C-alpha atoms as a PDB file:
ATOM      1  CA  MET A   1      93.544 143.225 123.700  1.00  0.00           C
ATOM      2  CA  TYR A   2      94.834 142.594 120.470  1.00  0.00           C
ATOM      3  CA  GLU A   3      93.257 145.192 118.800  1.00  0.00           C
ATOM      4  CA  ASN A   4      94.901 148.268 119.532  1.00  0.00           C
ATOM      5  CA  ASP A   5      96.439 151.527 118.161  1.00  0.00           C
ATOM      6  CA  ASP A   6      99.841 149.803 118.274  1.00  0.00           C
ATOM      7  CA  THR A   7      98.878 146.594 116.539  1.00  0.00           C
ATOM      8  CA  LEU A   8      98.270 146.857 112.316  1.00  0.00           C
ATOM      9  CA  THR A   9      97.405 143.089 110.696  1.00  0.00           C
ATOM     10  CA  LEU A  10      98.311 142.798 107.182  1.00  0.00           C
ATOM     11  CA  ILE A  11      96.811 140.078 105.367  1.00  0.00           C
ATOM     12  CA  SER A  12      98.221 139.204 102.045  1.00  0.00           C
ATOM     13  CA  GLY A  13      96.664 136.997  99.319  1.00  0.00           C
ATOM     14  CA  ASP A  14      93.372 136.368  97.827  1.00  0.00           C
ATOM     15  CA  GLY A  15      92.806 132.837  99.590  1.00  0.00           C
ATOM     16  CA  GLU A  16      89.477 131.303  99.521  1.00  0.00           C
ATOM     17  CA  LEU A  17      88.626 132.599 103.020  1.00  0.00           C
ATOM     18  CA  ARG A  18      89.454 136.457 102.246  1.00  0.00           C
ATOM     19  CA  GLY A  19      85.879 136.687 101.778  1.00  0.00           C
ATOM     20  CA  THR A  20      84.755 135.272 105.026  1.00  0.00           C
ATOM     21  CA  LEU A  21      87.464 137.084 106.966  1.00  0.00           C
ATOM     22  CA  GLU A  22      86.766 140.255 105.769  1.00  0.00           C
ATOM     23  CA  GLU A  23      83.362 140.176 106.642  1.00  0.00           C
ATOM     24  CA  GLN A  24      84.187 138.694 110.127  1.00  0.00           C
ATOM     25  CA  ALA A  25      86.843 142.497 110.584  1.00  0.00           C
ATOM     26  CA  GLN A  26      83.836 144.650 109.589  1.00  0.00           C
ATOM     27  CA  ARG A  27      81.170 142.428 112.195  1.00  0.00           C
ATOM     28  CA  LEU A  28      83.986 143.435 114.657  1.00  0.00           C
ATOM     29  CA  ASN A  29      84.680 146.691 113.531  1.00  0.00           C
ATOM     30  CA  LEU A  30      88.181 145.846 113.480  1.00  0.00           C
ATOM     31  CA  LYS A  31      89.908 149.279 112.395  1.00  0.00           C
ATOM     32  CA  ASN A  32      93.713 148.015 112.260  1.00  0.00           C
ATOM     33  CA  VAL A  33      92.870 144.932 109.715  1.00  0.00           C
ATOM     34  CA  ARG A  34      94.164 145.605 106.182  1.00  0.00           C
ATOM     35  CA  PHE A  35      93.133 143.125 103.378  1.00  0.00           C
ATOM     36  CA  LEU A  36      96.419 144.083 100.821  1.00  0.00           C
ATOM     37  CA  GLY A  37      95.465 140.993  98.152  1.00  0.00           C
ATOM     38  CA  ASN A  38      98.426 139.235  96.016  1.00  0.00           C
ATOM     39  CA  GLN A  39     101.382 141.309  96.727  1.00  0.00           C
ATOM     40  CA  PRO A  40     104.894 140.759  94.455  1.00  0.00           C
ATOM     41  CA  GLN A  41     107.653 139.613  96.561  1.00  0.00           C
ATOM     42  CA  THR A  42     109.385 142.927  96.659  1.00  0.00           C
ATOM     43  CA  VAL A  43     106.844 143.614  98.774  1.00  0.00           C
ATOM     44  CA  LEU A  44     106.204 140.447 100.792  1.00  0.00           C
ATOM     45  CA  LYS A  45     109.956 140.988 101.585  1.00  0.00           C
ATOM     46  CA  ASN A  46     109.633 144.517 102.940  1.00  0.00           C
ATOM     47  CA  ILE A  47     105.939 143.583 105.002  1.00  0.00           C
ATOM     48  CA  TYR A  48     108.326 140.537 106.782  1.00  0.00           C
ATOM     49  CA  ASN A  49     111.015 142.564 107.202  1.00  0.00           C
ATOM     50  CA  ILE A  50     108.887 144.964 109.813  1.00  0.00           C
ATOM     51  CA  ALA A  51     106.430 142.417 110.802  1.00  0.00           C
ATOM     52  CA  ASP A  52     106.540 141.503 114.759  1.00  0.00           C
ATOM     53  CA  VAL A  53     104.909 138.203 113.265  1.00  0.00           C
ATOM     54  CA  SER A  54     103.829 135.888 110.424  1.00  0.00           C
ATOM     55  CA  CYS A  55     100.632 133.984 110.646  1.00  0.00           C
ATOM     56  CA  VAL A  56     100.378 130.610 108.635  1.00  0.00           C
ATOM     57  CA  PRO A  57      97.200 129.222 109.932  1.00  0.00           C
ATOM     58  CA  SER A  58      96.756 126.492 107.341  1.00  0.00           C
ATOM     59  CA  ARG A  59      94.582 124.056 106.895  1.00  0.00           C
ATOM     60  CA  ARG A  60      96.696 122.155 103.840  1.00  0.00           C
ATOM     61  CA  GLU A  61     100.040 123.069 103.322  1.00  0.00           C
ATOM     62  CA  PRO A  62     102.522 120.630 101.489  1.00  0.00           C
ATOM     63  CA  PHE A  63     105.935 122.534 102.143  1.00  0.00           C
ATOM     64  CA  GLY A  64     105.088 126.492 104.118  1.00  0.00           C
ATOM     65  CA  LEU A  65     106.707 128.844 101.029  1.00  0.00           C
ATOM     66  CA  VAL A  66     105.630 131.638 103.189  1.00  0.00           C
ATOM     67  CA  ALA A  67     106.803 130.812 106.428  1.00  0.00           C
ATOM     68  CA  ALA A  68     110.284 129.826 105.050  1.00  0.00           C
ATOM     69  CA  GLU A  69     110.145 133.394 103.161  1.00  0.00           C
ATOM     70  CA  ALA A  70     109.338 135.197 106.483  1.00  0.00           C
ATOM     71  CA  MET A  71     111.916 133.739 108.273  1.00  0.00           C
ATOM     72  CA  ALA A  72     114.704 134.694 105.854  1.00  0.00           C
ATOM     73  CA  CYS A  73     113.860 138.088 106.759  1.00  0.00           C
ATOM     74  CA  GLY A  74     113.785 136.995 110.430  1.00  0.00           C
ATOM     75  CA  THR A  75     110.268 137.302 111.278  1.00  0.00           C
ATOM     76  CA  PRO A  76     109.131 134.827 113.801  1.00  0.00           C
ATOM     77  CA  VAL A  77     106.159 132.142 112.353  1.00  0.00           C
ATOM     78  CA  ILE A  78     103.228 130.956 114.022  1.00  0.00           C
ATOM     79  CA  ALA A  79     101.870 128.298 112.140  1.00  0.00           C
ATOM     80  CA  THR A  80      99.781 125.174 112.110  1.00  0.00           C
ATOM     81  CA  ASN A  81     101.102 121.880 112.721  1.00  0.00           C
ATOM     82  CA  GLU A  82      99.995 120.754 109.255  1.00  0.00           C
ATOM     83  CA  GLY A  83     101.981 119.277 106.510  1.00  0.00           C
ATOM     84  CA  GLY A  84     105.078 120.483 105.975  1.00  0.00           C
ATOM     85  CA  LEU A  85     105.046 123.153 108.386  1.00  0.00           C
ATOM     86  CA  PRO A  86     106.248 120.988 111.679  1.00  0.00           C
ATOM     87  CA  ASP A  87     109.464 120.276 109.800  1.00  0.00           C
ATOM     88  CA  PHE A  88     110.922 123.363 110.033  1.00  0.00           C
ATOM     89  CA  ILE A  89     109.081 125.359 112.570  1.00  0.00           C
ATOM     90  CA  ASN A  90     110.493 124.847 115.921  1.00  0.00           C
ATOM     91  CA  GLU A  91     111.001 126.546 119.372  1.00  0.00           C
ATOM     92  CA  LYS A  92     113.899 129.080 117.682  1.00  0.00           C
ATOM     93  CA  VAL A  93     111.541 130.197 115.283  1.00  0.00           C
ATOM     94  CA  GLY A  94     108.163 130.053 116.094  1.00  0.00           C
ATOM     95  CA  ILE A  95     105.462 128.412 117.639  1.00  0.00           C
ATOM     96  CA  LEU A  96     103.185 125.573 116.347  1.00  0.00           C
ATOM     97  CA  VAL A  97      99.096 125.469 117.075  1.00  0.00           C
ATOM     98  CA  PRO A  98      96.828 123.179 116.006  1.00  0.00           C
ATOM     99  CA  VAL A  99      94.795 123.372 112.938  1.00  0.00           C
ATOM    100  CA  ASP A 100      91.329 125.305 113.204  1.00  0.00           C
ATOM    101  CA  ASP A 101      92.184 126.226 116.753  1.00  0.00           C
ATOM    102  CA  SER A 102      91.894 129.901 116.757  1.00  0.00           C
ATOM    103  CA  GLU A 103      92.225 130.198 120.621  1.00  0.00           C
ATOM    104  CA  LYS A 104      95.434 128.860 120.433  1.00  0.00           C
ATOM    105  CA  LEU A 105      96.740 131.011 117.631  1.00  0.00           C
ATOM    106  CA  ALA A 106      95.189 133.921 119.151  1.00  0.00           C
ATOM    107  CA  LEU A 107      97.372 133.303 122.271  1.00  0.00           C
ATOM    108  CA  ALA A 108     100.589 132.711 120.221  1.00  0.00           C
ATOM    109  CA  VAL A 109      99.846 135.979 118.205  1.00  0.00           C
ATOM    110  CA  LYS A 110      99.367 137.757 121.961  1.00  0.00           C
ATOM    111  CA  GLN A 111     102.294 135.924 123.286  1.00  0.00           C
ATOM    112  CA  VAL A 112     104.533 137.512 120.783  1.00  0.00           C
ATOM    113  CA  ILE A 113     103.261 140.729 120.201  1.00  0.00           C
ATOM    114  CA  SER A 114     103.182 141.442 123.698  1.00  0.00           C
ATOM    115  CA  ARG A 115     107.058 140.239 123.714  1.00  0.00           C
ATOM    116  CA  GLU A 116     106.092 137.247 126.380  1.00  0.00           C
ATOM    117  CA  LYS A 117     107.702 134.932 123.736  1.00  0.00           C
ATOM    118  CA  VAL A 118     110.847 136.609 122.108  1.00  0.00           C
ATOM    119  CA  PHE A 119     112.519 135.474 119.055  1.00  0.00           C
ATOM    120  CA  ASP A 120     116.210 136.070 117.627  1.00  0.00           C
ATOM    121  CA  ARG A 121     115.562 137.522 114.089  1.00  0.00           C
ATOM    122  CA  GLU A 122     119.124 137.201 113.168  1.00  0.00           C
ATOM    123  CA  GLU A 123     118.958 133.341 114.438  1.00  0.00           C
ATOM    124  CA  ILE A 124     115.437 132.962 112.781  1.00  0.00           C
ATOM    125  CA  ALA A 125     117.375 134.604 109.194  1.00  0.00           C
ATOM    126  CA  LYS A 126     120.064 132.037 110.039  1.00  0.00           C
ATOM    127  CA  GLU A 127     118.227 128.734 110.238  1.00  0.00           C
ATOM    128  CA  ALA A 128     116.142 129.718 107.445  1.00  0.00           C
ATOM    129  CA  LYS A 129     119.452 130.244 105.419  1.00  0.00           C
ATOM    130  CA  ASP A 130     121.195 127.094 106.456  1.00  0.00           C
ATOM    131  CA  LYS A 131     118.187 124.792 105.853  1.00  0.00           C
ATOM    132  CA  HIS A 132     115.969 126.282 103.505  1.00  0.00           C
ATOM    133  CA  SER A 133     118.099 128.270 100.554  1.00  0.00           C
ATOM    134  CA  VAL A 134     118.036 127.445  97.243  1.00  0.00           C
ATOM    135  CA  ASP A 135     121.336 125.758  97.318  1.00  0.00           C
ATOM    136  CA  LYS A 136     120.697 123.717 100.207  1.00  0.00           C
ATOM    137  CA  LYS A 137     117.910 122.447  98.533  1.00  0.00           C
ATOM    138  CA  VAL A 138     119.497 121.967  95.398  1.00  0.00           C
ATOM    139  CA  ASP A 139     121.893 119.829  97.401  1.00  0.00           C
ATOM    140  CA  GLU A 140     119.765 117.768  99.018  1.00  0.00           C
ATOM    141  CA  PHE A 141     117.849 116.999  95.611  1.00  0.00           C
ATOM    142  CA  LYS A 142     121.178 115.753  94.276  1.00  0.00           C
ATOM    143  CA  GLU A 143     122.158 113.507  97.156  1.00  0.00           C
ATOM    144  CA  ARG A 144     118.453 112.066  97.178  1.00  0.00           C
ATOM    145  CA  TYR A 145     118.909 111.723  92.955  1.00  0.00           C
ATOM    146  CA  LYS A 146     122.245 109.957  93.592  1.00  0.00           C
ATOM    147  CA  ILE A 147     120.587 107.229  96.003  1.00  0.00           C
ATOM    148  CA  ALA A 148     118.124 106.647  93.830  1.00  0.00           C
ATOM    149  CA  ILE A 149     120.435 106.186  90.669  1.00  0.00           C
ATOM    150  CA  LYS A 150     122.616 103.871  92.655  1.00  0.00           C
ATOM    151  CA  ASN A 151     118.935 101.916  93.910  1.00  0.00           C
ATOM    152  CA  ILE A 152     118.049 101.682  90.296  1.00  0.00           C
ATOM    153  CA  GLU A 153     121.501 100.669  89.228  1.00  0.00           C
ATOM    154  CA  LYS A 154     121.003  97.770  91.657  1.00  0.00           C
ATOM    155  CA  ASN A 155     117.792  96.373  90.789  1.00  0.00           C
ATOM    156  CA  PHE A 156     119.328  96.490  86.851  1.00  0.00           C
ATOM    157  CA  GLU A 157     122.410  94.284  88.046  1.00  0.00           C
ATOM    158  CA  ARG A 158     119.871  91.418  89.386  1.00  0.00           C
END
């Protein structure tokens, strides 16, 4: 089972479901779940670096900065197949599950923490750096901007 002496679940942030999750953890008598609230980046970095897995079970997620931050630390990510997350979560870096499918989310977590599904942390960090670093995103933005300017110029030439 998931709840054991070897597993500690850290939940950071103060999202809209925090109270519901705290009540559920209390009702289920989960002893190894800690709600940390909002944390500074320095603390989050340390958490990602020691975590076996990072879960991002978002219902709405335009990009998925939390997932990208975890990946930058080499942490595999289990995320929902929502918004921008499927654009960069793949079988090399994590697992995608349907939104609101708690059974598939739980199964994915069990697969990772039981080592049934193993990820290369160095490969995850490399993928994050190669595809999602600030420099990479700035370069992509510049290219898109150049294309947009060329299209605008073409329209003015008509």
